[in-house]
PDB file of N, CA and C in Angstrom:
ATOM      1  N   UNK A   1       0.849  -1.171   0.000  1.00  0.00           N
ATOM      2  CA  UNK A   1       0.000   0.000   0.000  1.00  0.00           C
ATOM      3  C   UNK A   1       0.894   1.233   0.000  1.00  0.00           C
ATOM      4  N   UNK A   2       0.588   2.181  -0.863  1.00  0.00           N
ATOM      5  CA  UNK A   2       1.332   3.428  -0.929  1.00  0.00           C
ATOM      6  C   UNK A   2       0.921   4.330   0.227  1.00  0.00           C
ATOM      7  N   UNK A   3       1.804   5.275   0.551  1.00  0.00           N
ATOM      8  CA  UNK A   3       1.521   6.207   1.644  1.00  0.00           C
ATOM      9  C   UNK A   3       0.296   7.051   1.332  1.00  0.00           C
ATOM     10  N   UNK A   4       0.117   7.438   0.068  1.00  0.00           N
ATOM     11  CA  UNK A   4      -1.045   8.259  -0.289  1.00  0.00           C
ATOM     12  C   UNK A   4      -2.345   7.476  -0.107  1.00  0.00           C
ATOM     13  N   UNK A   5      -2.308   6.187  -0.394  1.00  0.00           N
ATOM     14  CA  UNK A   5      -3.494   5.353  -0.185  1.00  0.00           C
ATOM     15  C   UNK A   5      -3.830   5.256   1.300  1.00  0.00           C
ATOM     16  N   UNK A   6      -2.812   5.105   2.126  1.00  0.00           N
ATOM     17  CA  UNK A   6      -3.029   5.003   3.569  1.00  0.00           C
ATOM     18  C   UNK A   6      -3.571   6.316   4.122  1.00  0.00           C
ATOM     19  N   UNK A   7      -3.044   7.437   3.623  1.00  0.00           N
ATOM     20  CA  UNK A   7      -3.525   8.745   4.074  1.00  0.00           C
ATOM     21  C   UNK A   7      -4.981   8.938   3.691  1.00  0.00           C
ATOM     22  N   UNK A   8      -5.324   8.607   2.466  1.00  0.00           N
ATOM     23  CA  UNK A   8      -6.706   8.744   1.997  1.00  0.00           C
ATOM     24  C   UNK A   8      -7.632   7.847   2.808  1.00  0.00           C
ATOM     25  N   UNK A   9      -7.204   6.628   3.066  1.00  0.00           N
ATOM     26  CA  UNK A   9      -7.998   5.691   3.845  1.00  0.00           C
ATOM     27  C   UNK A   9      -8.211   6.205   5.263  1.00  0.00           C
ATOM     28  N   UNK A  10      -7.173   6.774   5.863  1.00  0.00           N
ATOM     29  CA  UNK A  10      -7.293   7.326   7.217  1.00  0.00           C
ATOM     30  C   UNK A  10      -8.254   8.500   7.237  1.00  0.00           C
ATOM     31  N   UNK A  11      -8.177   9.358   6.213  1.00  0.00           N
ATOM     32  CA  UNK A  11      -9.082  10.503   6.147  1.00  0.00           C
ATOM     33  C   UNK A  11     -10.525  10.038   6.020  1.00  0.00           C
ATOM     34  N   UNK A  12     -10.755   9.019   5.203  1.00  0.00           N
ATOM     35  CA  UNK A  12     -12.118   8.514   5.029  1.00  0.00           C
ATOM     36  C   UNK A  12     -12.640   7.930   6.335  1.00  0.00           C
ATOM     37  N   UNK A  13     -11.816   7.175   7.038  1.00  0.00           N
ATOM     38  CA  UNK A  13     -12.245   6.583   8.308  1.00  0.00           C
ATOM     39  C   UNK A  13     -12.518   7.646   9.354  1.00  0.00           C
ATOM     40  N   UNK A  14     -11.696   8.691   9.368  1.00  0.00           N
ATOM     41  CA  UNK A  14     -11.918   9.787  10.317  1.00  0.00           C
ATOM     42  C   UNK A  14     -13.241  10.458  10.015  1.00  0.00           C
ATOM     43  N   UNK A  15     -13.500  10.722   8.744  1.00  0.00           N
ATOM     44  CA  UNK A  15     -14.768  11.338   8.348  1.00  0.00           C
ATOM     45  C   UNK A  15     -15.953  10.467   8.706  1.00  0.00           C
ATOM     46  N   UNK A  16     -15.819   9.170   8.458  1.00  0.00           N
ATOM     47  CA  UNK A  16     -16.901   8.242   8.810  1.00  0.00           C
ATOM     48  C   UNK A  16     -17.169   8.256  10.307  1.00  0.00           C
ATOM     49  N   UNK A  17     -16.114   8.189  11.101  1.00  0.00           N
ATOM     50  CA  UNK A  17     -16.279   8.159  12.555  1.00  0.00           C
ATOM     51  C   UNK A  17     -16.934   9.428  13.075  1.00  0.00           C
ATOM     52  N   UNK A  18     -16.508  10.566  12.553  1.00  0.00           N
ATOM     53  CA  UNK A  18     -17.093  11.837  12.976  1.00  0.00           C
ATOM     54  C   UNK A  18     -18.561  11.904  12.568  1.00  0.00           C
ATOM     55  N   UNK A  19     -18.854  11.469  11.349  1.00  0.00           N
ATOM     56  CA  UNK A  19     -20.240  11.476  10.875  1.00  0.00           C
ATOM     57  C   UNK A  19     -21.142  10.587  11.709  1.00  0.00           C
ATOM     58  N   UNK A  20     -20.665   9.412  12.043  1.00  0.00           N
ATOM     59  CA  UNK A  20     -21.457   8.479  12.856  1.00  0.00           C
ATOM     60  C   UNK A  20     -21.679   9.041  14.257  1.00  0.00           C
ATOM     61  N   UNK A  21     -20.621   9.572  14.855  1.00  0.00           N
ATOM     62  CA  UNK A  21     -20.750  10.136  16.201  1.00  0.00           C
ATOM     63  C   UNK A  21     -21.714  11.321  16.210  1.00  0.00           C
ATOM     64  N   UNK A  22     -21.632  12.160  15.185  1.00  0.00           N
ATOM     65  CA  UNK A  22     -22.530  13.318  15.109  1.00  0.00           C
ATOM     66  C   UNK A  22     -23.966  12.865  14.917  1.00  0.00           C
ATOM     67  N   UNK A  23     -24.184  11.869  14.039  1.00  0.00           N
ATOM     68  CA  UNK A  23     -25.540  11.340  13.832  1.00  0.00           C
ATOM     69  C   UNK A  23     -26.118  10.840  15.151  1.00  0.00           C
ATOM     70  N   UNK A  24     -25.353  10.018  15.844  1.00  0.00           N
ATOM     71  CA  UNK A  24     -25.864   9.424  17.089  1.00  0.00           C
ATOM     72  C   UNK A  24     -26.133  10.480  18.149  1.00  0.00           C
ATOM     73  N   UNK A  25     -25.287  11.483  18.220  1.00  0.00           N
ATOM     74  CA  UNK A  25     -25.504  12.557  19.185  1.00  0.00           C
ATOM     75  C   UNK A  25     -26.772  13.342  18.849  1.00  0.00           C
ATOM     76  N   UNK A  26     -26.961  13.654  17.586  1.00  0.00           N
ATOM     77  CA  UNK A  26     -28.118  14.460  17.183  1.00  0.00           C
ATOM     78  C   UNK A  26     -29.422  13.671  17.235  1.00  0.00           C
ATOM     79  N   UNK A  27     -29.391  12.417  16.842  1.00  0.00           N
ATOM     80  CA  UNK A  27     -30.636  11.643  16.827  1.00  0.00           C
ATOM     81  C   UNK A  27     -31.108  11.386  18.257  1.00  0.00           C
ATOM     82  N   UNK A  28     -30.166  11.115  19.158  1.00  0.00           N
ATOM     83  CA  UNK A  28     -30.569  10.848  20.548  1.00  0.00           C
ATOM     84  C   UNK A  28     -31.190  12.069  21.206  1.00  0.00           C
ATOM     85  N   UNK A  29     -30.834  13.255  20.780  1.00  0.00           N
ATOM     86  CA  UNK A  29     -31.416  14.461  21.338  1.00  0.00           C
ATOM     87  C   UNK A  29     -32.726  14.868  20.696  1.00  0.00           C
ATOM     88  N   UNK A  30     -33.093  14.218  19.579  1.00  0.00           N
ATOM     89  CA  UNK A  30     -34.288  14.631  18.833  1.00  0.00           C
ATOM     90  C   UNK A  30     -35.298  13.519  18.574  1.00  0.00           C
ATOM     91  N   UNK A  31     -35.166  12.404  19.259  1.00  0.00           N
ATOM     92  CA  UNK A  31     -36.126  11.309  19.056  1.00  0.00           C
ATOM     93  C   UNK A  31     -37.502  11.722  19.581  1.00  0.00           C
ATOM     94  N   UNK A  32     -38.538  11.402  18.815  1.00  0.00           N
ATOM     95  CA  UNK A  32     -39.886  11.740  19.293  1.00  0.00           C
ATOM     96  C   UNK A  32     -40.271  10.878  20.495  1.00  0.00           C
ATOM     97  N   UNK A  33     -41.121  11.425  21.323  1.00  0.00           N
ATOM     98  CA  UNK A  33     -41.590  10.676  22.483  1.00  0.00           C
ATOM     99  C   UNK A  33     -42.562   9.595  22.046  1.00  0.00           C
ATOM    100  N   UNK A  34     -42.593   8.509  22.773  1.00  0.00           N
ATOM    101  CA  UNK A  34     -43.524   7.430  22.490  1.00  0.00           C
ATOM    102  C   UNK A  34     -42.912   6.281  21.717  1.00  0.00           C
ATOM    103  N   UNK A  35     -41.600   6.315  21.472  1.00  0.00           N
ATOM    104  CA  UNK A  35     -40.956   5.203  20.764  1.00  0.00           C
ATOM    105  C   UNK A  35     -40.714   4.039  21.712  1.00  0.00           C
ATOM    106  N   UNK A  36     -40.805   2.843  21.180  1.00  0.00           N
ATOM    107  CA  UNK A  36     -40.469   1.663  21.968  1.00  0.00           C
ATOM    108  C   UNK A  36     -38.949   1.623  22.155  1.00  0.00           C
ATOM    109  N   UNK A  37     -38.491   0.867  23.140  1.00  0.00           N
ATOM    110  CA  UNK A  37     -37.034   0.740  23.323  1.00  0.00           C
ATOM    111  C   UNK A  37     -36.335   0.162  22.092  1.00  0.00           C
ATOM    112  N   UNK A  38     -37.021  -0.749  21.394  1.00  0.00           N
ATOM    113  CA  UNK A  38     -36.432  -1.347  20.186  1.00  0.00           C
ATOM    114  C   UNK A  38     -36.293  -0.308  19.085  1.00  0.00           C
ATOM    115  N   UNK A  39     -37.327   0.515  18.896  1.00  0.00           N
ATOM    116  CA  UNK A  39     -37.277   1.560  17.862  1.00  0.00           C
ATOM    117  C   UNK A  39     -36.226   2.604  18.226  1.00  0.00           C
ATOM    118  N   UNK A  40     -36.120   2.941  19.484  1.00  0.00           N
ATOM    119  CA  UNK A  40     -35.109   3.895  19.935  1.00  0.00           C
ATOM    120  C   UNK A  40     -33.706   3.366  19.663  1.00  0.00           C
ATOM    121  N   UNK A  41     -33.478   2.107  19.974  1.00  0.00           N
ATOM    122  CA  UNK A  41     -32.164   1.503  19.740  1.00  0.00           C
ATOM    123  C   UNK A  41     -31.841   1.451  18.254  1.00  0.00           C
ATOM    124  N   UNK A  42     -32.817   1.065  17.436  1.00  0.00           N
ATOM    125  CA  UNK A  42     -32.592   0.989  15.991  1.00  0.00           C
ATOM    126  C   UNK A  42     -32.300   2.365  15.412  1.00  0.00           C
ATOM    127  N   UNK A  43     -33.050   3.370  15.832  1.00  0.00           N
ATOM    128  CA  UNK A  43     -32.853   4.732  15.327  1.00  0.00           C
ATOM    129  C   UNK A  43     -31.526   5.300  15.797  1.00  0.00           C
ATOM    130  N   UNK A  44     -31.111   4.959  17.000  1.00  0.00           N
ATOM    131  CA  UNK A  44     -29.847   5.459  17.531  1.00  0.00           C
ATOM    132  C   UNK A  44     -28.649   4.830  16.846  1.00  0.00           C
ATOM    133  N   UNK A  45     -28.825   3.647  16.298  1.00  0.00           N
ATOM    134  CA  UNK A  45     -27.727   2.930  15.662  1.00  0.00           C
ATOM    135  C   UNK A  45     -27.379   3.492  14.289  1.00  0.00           C
ATOM    136  N   UNK A  46     -28.391   3.730  13.437  1.00  0.00           N
ATOM    137  CA  UNK A  46     -28.117   4.206  12.078  1.00  0.00           C
ATOM    138  C   UNK A  46     -29.383   4.768  11.454  1.00  0.00           C
ATOM    139  N   UNK A  47     -29.208   5.487  10.370  1.00  0.00           N
ATOM    140  CA  UNK A  47     -30.378   6.018   9.671  1.00  0.00           C
ATOM    141  C   UNK A  47     -31.193   4.880   9.063  1.00  0.00           C
ATOM    142  N   UNK A  48     -30.526   3.816   8.638  1.00  0.00           N
ATOM    143  CA  UNK A  48     -31.254   2.649   8.116  1.00  0.00           C
ATOM    144  C   UNK A  48     -32.167   2.064   9.190  1.00  0.00           C
ATOM    145  N   UNK A  49     -31.631   1.961  10.412  1.00  0.00           N
ATOM    146  CA  UNK A  49     -32.441   1.461  11.517  1.00  0.00           C
ATOM    147  C   UNK A  49     -33.607   2.374  11.823  1.00  0.00           C
ATOM    148  N   UNK A  50     -33.361   3.673  11.742  1.00  0.00           N
ATOM    149  CA  UNK A  50     -34.432   4.637  12.000  1.00  0.00           C
ATOM    150  C   UNK A  50     -35.532   4.515  10.945  1.00  0.00           C
ATOM    151  N   UNK A  51     -35.160   4.388   9.683  1.00  0.00           N
ATOM    152  CA  UNK A  51     -36.162   4.277   8.615  1.00  0.00           C
ATOM    153  C   UNK A  51     -36.931   2.965   8.709  1.00  0.00           C
ATOM    154  N   UNK A  52     -36.242   1.889   9.066  1.00  0.00           N
ATOM    155  CA  UNK A  52     -36.928   0.597   9.233  1.00  0.00           C
ATOM    156  C   UNK A  52     -37.892   0.659  10.414  1.00  0.00           C
ATOM    157  N   UNK A  53     -37.466   1.285  11.505  1.00  0.00           N
ATOM    158  CA  UNK A  53     -38.345   1.407  12.670  1.00  0.00           C
ATOM    159  C   UNK A  53     -39.534   2.298  12.352  1.00  0.00           C
ATOM    160  N   UNK A  54     -39.320   3.366  11.599  1.00  0.00           N
ATOM    161  CA  UNK A  54     -40.397   4.299  11.258  1.00  0.00           C
ATOM    162  C   UNK A  54     -41.474   3.628  10.417  1.00  0.00           C
ATOM    163  N   UNK A  55     -41.084   2.658   9.596  1.00  0.00           N
ATOM    164  CA  UNK A  55     -42.048   1.959   8.751  1.00  0.00           C
ATOM    165  C   UNK A  55     -43.049   1.161   9.576  1.00  0.00           C
ATOM    166  N   UNK A  56     -42.689   0.803  10.792  1.00  0.00           N
ATOM    167  CA  UNK A  56     -43.558   0.003  11.663  1.00  0.00           C
ATOM    168  C   UNK A  56     -44.289   0.830  12.710  1.00  0.00           C
ATOM    169  N   UNK A  57     -44.215   2.149  12.594  1.00  0.00           N
ATOM    170  CA  UNK A  57     -44.857   3.031  13.575  1.00  0.00           C
ATOM    171  C   UNK A  57     -46.106   3.674  12.981  1.00  0.00           C
ATOM    172  N   UNK A  58     -46.995   4.183  13.824  1.00  0.00           N
ATOM    173  CA  UNK A  58     -48.137   4.952  13.311  1.00  0.00           C
ATOM    174  C   UNK A  58     -47.632   6.136  12.482  1.00  0.00           C
ATOM    175  N   UNK A  59     -48.463   6.590  11.538  1.00  0.00           N
ATOM    176  CA  UNK A  59     -48.045   7.607  10.558  1.00  0.00           C
ATOM    177  C   UNK A  59     -47.339   8.818  11.164  1.00  0.00           C
ATOM    178  N   UNK A  60     -47.962   9.504  12.107  1.00  0.00           N
ATOM    179  CA  UNK A  60     -47.397  10.744  12.656  1.00  0.00           C
ATOM    180  C   UNK A  60     -46.074  10.473  13.374  1.00  0.00           C
ATOM    181  N   UNK A  61     -46.022   9.424  14.158  1.00  0.00           N
ATOM    182  CA  UNK A  61     -44.806   9.094  14.896  1.00  0.00           C
ATOM    183  C   UNK A  61     -43.696   8.671  13.933  1.00  0.00           C
ATOM    184  N   UNK A  62     -44.063   7.890  12.920  1.00  0.00           N
ATOM    185  CA  UNK A  62     -43.088   7.465  11.910  1.00  0.00           C
ATOM    186  C   UNK A  62     -42.514   8.647  11.144  1.00  0.00           C
ATOM    187  N   UNK A  63     -43.374   9.612  10.798  1.00  0.00           N
ATOM    188  CA  UNK A  63     -42.905  10.799  10.084  1.00  0.00           C
ATOM    189  C   UNK A  63     -41.971  11.638  10.951  1.00  0.00           C
ATOM    190  N   UNK A  64     -42.280  11.734  12.237  1.00  0.00           N
ATOM    191  CA  UNK A  64     -41.402  12.475  13.153  1.00  0.00           C
ATOM    192  C   UNK A  64     -40.028  11.807  13.257  1.00  0.00           C
ATOM    193  N   UNK A  65     -40.038  10.486  13.316  1.00  0.00           N
ATOM    194  CA  UNK A  65     -38.776   9.752  13.401  1.00  0.00           C
ATOM    195  C   UNK A  65     -37.965   9.913  12.121  1.00  0.00           C
ATOM    196  N   UNK A  66     -38.616   9.816  10.966  1.00  0.00           N
ATOM    197  CA  UNK A  66     -37.917   9.996   9.685  1.00  0.00           C
ATOM    198  C   UNK A  66     -37.315  11.393   9.610  1.00  0.00           C
ATOM    199  N   UNK A  67     -38.084  12.397   9.991  1.00  0.00           N
ATOM    200  CA  UNK A  67     -37.599  13.772   9.963  1.00  0.00           C
ATOM    201  C   UNK A  67     -36.390  13.951  10.878  1.00  0.00           C
ATOM    202  N   UNK A  68     -36.461  13.410  12.088  1.00  0.00           N
ATOM    203  CA  UNK A  68     -35.338  13.509  13.030  1.00  0.00           C
ATOM    204  C   UNK A  68     -34.109  12.783  12.497  1.00  0.00           C
ATOM    205  N   UNK A  69     -34.311  11.612  11.904  1.00  0.00           N
ATOM    206  CA  UNK A  69     -33.188  10.834  11.370  1.00  0.00           C
ATOM    207  C   UNK A  69     -32.550  11.548  10.183  1.00  0.00           C
ATOM    208  N   UNK A  70     -33.352  12.123   9.307  1.00  0.00           N
ATOM    209  CA  UNK A  70     -32.803  12.842   8.161  1.00  0.00           C
ATOM    210  C   UNK A  70     -32.000  14.060   8.608  1.00  0.00           C
ATOM    211  N   UNK A  71     -32.508  14.789   9.596  1.00  0.00           N
ATOM    212  CA  UNK A  71     -31.786  15.955  10.108  1.00  0.00           C
ATOM    213  C   UNK A  71     -30.470  15.531  10.765  1.00  0.00           C
ATOM    214  N   UNK A  72     -30.500  14.456  11.521  1.00  0.00           N
ATOM    215  CA  UNK A  72     -29.286  13.973  12.183  1.00  0.00           C
ATOM    216  C   UNK A  72     -28.272  13.479  11.154  1.00  0.00           C
ATOM    217  N   UNK A  73     -28.751  12.788  10.118  1.00  0.00           N
ATOM    218  CA  UNK A  73     -27.858  12.291   9.080  1.00  0.00           C
ATOM    219  C   UNK A  73     -27.210  13.443   8.318  1.00  0.00           C
ATOM    220  N   UNK A  74     -28.007  14.442   7.965  1.00  0.00           N
ATOM    221  CA  UNK A  74     -27.463  15.613   7.259  1.00  0.00           C
ATOM    222  C   UNK A  74     -26.430  16.329   8.116  1.00  0.00           C
ATOM    223  N   UNK A  75     -26.715  16.466   9.399  1.00  0.00           N
ATOM    224  CA  UNK A  75     -25.756  17.091  10.309  1.00  0.00           C
ATOM    225  C   UNK A  75     -24.467  16.297  10.399  1.00  0.00           C
ATOM    226  N   UNK A  76     -24.586  14.985  10.471  1.00  0.00           N
ATOM    227  CA  UNK A  76     -23.397  14.124  10.519  1.00  0.00           C
ATOM    228  C   UNK A  76     -22.594  14.197   9.240  1.00  0.00           C
ATOM    229  N   UNK A  77     -23.277  14.220   8.108  1.00  0.00           N
ATOM    230  CA  UNK A  77     -22.604  14.312   6.815  1.00  0.00           C
ATOM    231  C   UNK A  77     -21.874  15.642   6.689  1.00  0.00           C
ATOM    232  N   UNK A  78     -22.526  16.720   7.092  1.00  0.00           N
ATOM    233  CA  UNK A  78     -21.888  18.037   7.034  1.00  0.00           C
ATOM    234  C   UNK A  78     -20.664  18.106   7.940  1.00  0.00           C
ATOM    235  N   UNK A  79     -20.782  17.582   9.141  1.00  0.00           N
ATOM    236  CA  UNK A  79     -19.652  17.600  10.076  1.00  0.00           C
ATOM    237  C   UNK A  79     -18.488  16.768   9.539  1.00  0.00           C
ATOM    238  N   UNK A  80     -18.787  15.613   8.958  1.00  0.00           N
ATOM    239  CA  UNK A  80     -17.732  14.773   8.381  1.00  0.00           C
ATOM    240  C   UNK A  80     -17.035  15.498   7.235  1.00  0.00           C
ATOM    241  N   UNK A  81     -17.797  16.216   6.420  1.00  0.00           N
ATOM    242  CA  UNK A  81     -17.202  16.960   5.310  1.00  0.00           C
ATOM    243  C   UNK A  81     -16.288  18.070   5.824  1.00  0.00           C
ATOM    244  N   UNK A  82     -16.713  18.773   6.851  1.00  0.00           N
ATOM    245  CA  UNK A  82     -15.894  19.851   7.418  1.00  0.00           C
ATOM    246  C   UNK A  82     -14.598  19.287   8.000  1.00  0.00           C
ATOM    247  N   UNK A  83     -14.700  18.227   8.771  1.00  0.00           N
ATOM    248  CA  UNK A  83     -13.514  17.629   9.378  1.00  0.00           C
ATOM    249  C   UNK A  83     -12.568  17.105   8.295  1.00  0.00           C
ATOM    250  N   UNK A  84     -13.106  16.466   7.273  1.00  0.00           N
ATOM    251  CA  UNK A  84     -12.266  15.959   6.187  1.00  0.00           C
ATOM    252  C   UNK A  84     -11.569  17.095   5.445  1.00  0.00           C
ATOM    253  N   UNK A  85     -12.269  18.193   5.226  1.00  0.00           N
ATOM    254  CA  UNK A  85     -11.667  19.345   4.550  1.00  0.00           C
ATOM    255  C   UNK A  85     -10.551  19.948   5.396  1.00  0.00           C
ATOM    256  N   UNK A  86     -10.752  20.037   6.690  1.00  0.00           N
ATOM    257  CA  UNK A  86      -9.714  20.570   7.578  1.00  0.00           C
ATOM    258  C   UNK A  86      -8.489  19.658   7.568  1.00  0.00           C
ATOM    259  N   UNK A  87      -8.706  18.355   7.643  1.00  0.00           N
ATOM    260  CA  UNK A  87      -7.586  17.406   7.618  1.00  0.00           C
ATOM    261  C   UNK A  87      -6.839  17.500   6.291  1.00  0.00           C
ATOM    262  N   UNK A  88      -7.567  17.583   5.186  1.00  0.00           N
ATOM    263  CA  UNK A  88      -6.920  17.698   3.876  1.00  0.00           C
ATOM    264  C   UNK A  88      -6.143  19.010   3.778  1.00  0.00           C
ATOM    265  N   UNK A  89      -6.706  20.090   4.297  1.00  0.00           N
ATOM    266  CA  UNK A  89      -6.008  21.368   4.282  1.00  0.00           C
ATOM    267  C   UNK A  89      -4.737  21.332   5.103  1.00  0.00           C
ATOM    268  N   UNK A  90      -4.810  20.736   6.278  1.00  0.00           N
ATOM    269  CA  UNK A  90      -3.612  20.608   7.119  1.00  0.00           C
ATOM    270  C   UNK A  90      -2.553  19.744   6.441  1.00  0.00           C
ATOM    271  N   UNK A  91      -2.973  18.672   5.802  1.00  0.00           N
ATOM    272  CA  UNK A  91      -2.024  17.813   5.087  1.00  0.00           C
ATOM    273  C   UNK A  91      -1.359  18.586   3.948  1.00  0.00           C
ATOM    274  N   UNK A  92      -2.114  19.399   3.237  1.00  0.00           N
ATOM    275  CA  UNK A  92      -1.545  20.198   2.147  1.00  0.00           C
ATOM    276  C   UNK A  92      -0.531  21.209   2.678  1.00  0.00           C
ATOM    277  N   UNK A  93      -0.842  21.830   3.807  1.00  0.00           N
ATOM    278  CA  UNK A  93       0.097  22.785   4.407  1.00  0.00           C
ATOM    279  C   UNK A  93       1.380  22.083   4.843  1.00  0.00           C
ATOM    280  N   UNK A  94       1.249  20.931   5.451  1.00  0.00           N
ATOM    281  CA  UNK A  94       2.422  20.175   5.892  1.00  0.00           C
ATOM    282  C   UNK A  94       3.272  19.776   4.694  1.00  0.00           C
ATOM    283  N   UNK A  95       2.641  19.291   3.649  1.00  0.00           N
ATOM    284  CA  UNK A  95       3.375  18.892   2.448  1.00  0.00           C
ATOM    285  C   UNK A  95       4.080  20.099   1.836  1.00  0.00           C
ATOM    286  N   UNK A  96       3.390  21.225   1.729  1.00  0.00           N
ATOM    287  CA  UNK A  96       3.972  22.416   1.110  1.00  0.00           C
ATOM    288  C   UNK A  96       5.141  22.974   1.919  1.00  0.00           C
ATOM    289  N   UNK A  97       5.062  22.896   3.232  1.00  0.00           N
ATOM    290  CA  UNK A  97       6.125  23.481   4.054  1.00  0.00           C
ATOM    291  C   UNK A  97       7.264  22.513   4.361  1.00  0.00           C
ATOM    292  N   UNK A  98       6.978  21.245   4.419  1.00  0.00           N
ATOM    293  CA  UNK A  98       8.000  20.273   4.805  1.00  0.00           C
ATOM    294  C   UNK A  98       8.637  19.544   3.627  1.00  0.00           C
ATOM    295  N   UNK A  99       7.960  19.446   2.527  1.00  0.00           N
ATOM    296  CA  UNK A  99       8.467  18.649   1.404  1.00  0.00           C
ATOM    297  C   UNK A  99       8.761  19.478   0.160  1.00  0.00           C
ATOM    298  N   UNK A 100       8.895  20.793   0.311  1.00  0.00           N
ATOM    299  CA  UNK A 100       9.117  21.646  -0.864  1.00  0.00           C
ATOM    300  C   UNK A 100      10.461  21.388  -1.537  1.00  0.00           C
ATOM    301  N   UNK A 101      11.410  20.815  -0.844  1.00  0.00           N
ATOM    302  CA  UNK A 101      12.729  20.546  -1.414  1.00  0.00           C
ATOM    303  C   UNK A 101      12.799  19.207  -2.155  1.00  0.00           C
ATOM    304  N   UNK A 102      11.811  18.363  -2.030  1.00  0.00           N
ATOM    305  CA  UNK A 102      11.812  17.049  -2.670  1.00  0.00           C
ATOM    306  C   UNK A 102      11.364  17.204  -4.118  1.00  0.00           C
ATOM    307  N   UNK A 103      12.173  16.680  -5.039  1.00  0.00           N
ATOM    308  CA  UNK A 103      11.843  16.754  -6.457  1.00  0.00           C
ATOM    309  C   UNK A 103      10.915  15.615  -6.850  1.00  0.00           C
ATOM    310  N   UNK A 104      10.030  15.845  -7.805  1.00  0.00           N
ATOM    311  CA  UNK A 104       9.222  14.748  -8.333  1.00  0.00           C
ATOM    312  C   UNK A 104      10.128  13.708  -8.986  1.00  0.00           C
ATOM    313  N   UNK A 105       9.711  12.483  -9.027  1.00  0.00           N
ATOM    314  CA  UNK A 105      10.533  11.385  -9.534  1.00  0.00           C
ATOM    315  C   UNK A 105      10.964  11.605 -10.983  1.00  0.00           C
ATOM    316  N   UNK A 106      10.112  12.141 -11.819  1.00  0.00           N
ATOM    317  CA  UNK A 106      10.441  12.346 -13.227  1.00  0.00           C
ATOM    318  C   UNK A 106      11.474  13.428 -13.449  1.00  0.00           C
ATOM    319  N   UNK A 107      11.602  14.416 -12.585  1.00  0.00           N
ATOM    320  CA  UNK A 107      12.548  15.522 -12.745  1.00  0.00           C
ATOM    321  C   UNK A 107      13.990  15.051 -12.665  1.00  0.00           C
ATOM    322  N   UNK A 108      14.287  14.126 -11.814  1.00  0.00           N
ATOM    323  CA  UNK A 108      15.658  13.660 -11.649  1.00  0.00           C
ATOM    324  C   UNK A 108      16.151  12.922 -12.885  1.00  0.00           C
ATOM    325  N   UNK A 109      15.275  12.342 -13.673  1.00  0.00           N
ATOM    326  CA  UNK A 109      15.660  11.562 -14.828  1.00  0.00           C
ATOM    327  C   UNK A 109      15.766  12.403 -16.097  1.00  0.00           C
ATOM    328  N   UNK A 110      15.179  13.575 -16.149  1.00  0.00           N
ATOM    329  CA  UNK A 110      15.179  14.372 -17.357  1.00  0.00           C
ATOM    330  C   UNK A 110      16.569  14.765 -17.841  1.00  0.00           C
ATOM    331  N   UNK A 111      17.504  15.260 -16.999  1.00  0.00           N
ATOM    332  CA  UNK A 111      18.821  15.630 -17.517  1.00  0.00           C
ATOM    333  C   UNK A 111      19.548  14.467 -18.174  1.00  0.00           C
ATOM    334  N   UNK A 112      19.424  13.286 -17.636  1.00  0.00           N
ATOM    335  CA  UNK A 112      20.085  12.124 -18.222  1.00  0.00           C
ATOM    336  C   UNK A 112      19.476  11.783 -19.582  1.00  0.00           C
ATOM    337  N   UNK A 113      18.176  11.909 -19.717  1.00  0.00           N
ATOM    338  CA  UNK A 113      17.516  11.623 -20.992  1.00  0.00           C
ATOM    339  C   UNK A 113      17.889  12.666 -22.029  1.00  0.00           C
ATOM    340  N   UNK A 114      18.008  13.937 -21.643  1.00  0.00           N
ATOM    341  CA  UNK A 114      18.371  15.006 -22.578  1.00  0.00           C
ATOM    342  C   UNK A 114      19.790  14.821 -23.067  1.00  0.00           C
ATOM    343  N   UNK A 115      20.697  14.388 -22.204  1.00  0.00           N
ATOM    344  CA  UNK A 115      22.092  14.167 -22.607  1.00  0.00           C
ATOM    345  C   UNK A 115      22.190  13.042 -23.609  1.00  0.00           C
ATOM    346  N   UNK A 116      21.347  12.034 -23.469  1.00  0.00           N
ATOM    347  CA  UNK A 116      21.319  10.905 -24.394  1.00  0.00           C
ATOM    348  C   UNK A 116      20.794  11.329 -25.766  1.00  0.00           C
ATOM    349  N   UNK A 117      19.822  12.232 -25.768  1.00  0.00           N
ATOM    350  CA  UNK A 117      19.194  12.672 -27.015  1.00  0.00           C
ATOM    351  C   UNK A 117      20.139  13.557 -27.819  1.00  0.00           C
ATOM    352  N   UNK A 118      21.104  14.226 -27.212  1.00  0.00           N
ATOM    353  CA  UNK A 118      21.994  15.166 -27.923  1.00  0.00           C
ATOM    354  C   UNK A 118      23.028  14.487 -28.703  1.00  0.00           C
TER     355      UNK A 118
END
């Protein structure tokens, strides 16, 4: 695995973790009253669980749960995007300030190729 692949993979996992944590925090604070413990657990676990639980609830309660889950998911997605952008920005700054003296691999070979062509 290349270092760039590992960095990208780490960034994706960080974004996923932040998104999941944000979803769970937001959904737990906005669950409608009257949910069974099973529906609460399913909704707290994931948006898929919330939508599946909402399908088995009375119309008004199900709609409230879907609305809360969608808002929590959007909040989690937005937070993950912000965190990922900050991490990518910091990585770019580190690369620009710490690796500016490193030449690209193709640059080192060009003078030798030009001498051969002459």
